[in-house]
């Protein structure tokens, strides 16, 4: 099954703008509308088995896209989008434990614990 994405109504209204025009519109006071499929249980969504989601900093506007996949042995693997392909350019960040649900960086983490993401 191919994951599907959906732009918010705000993003759809700016699809024709260039990157600079889009950023200018954001800075000029435009506010992003909520997505048509609003998530009421974020933890349940993220830990549901295979989740893709993007978080945007309200301070800097920087967006980070994550993928969280359930492990066969319990817990979840967390990866960060690090390239142009939204489905395959992910780098392993760390692991969320099943019992305590805490994120931890592991020896195989490709993203540093001090990274802004």
Foldseek 3Di string as FASTA:
>chain_A
DDDDDDAAPVCVVCVPPDPVVVVVVVVVDDDTDAHPDHDPDVVCQQPVAWHWDWDADPVPRDIWIKIWHADPVAWIWIWTADDDDSPPRTFTAFIQGRPPRDTDGDPRGPDDPPDPD
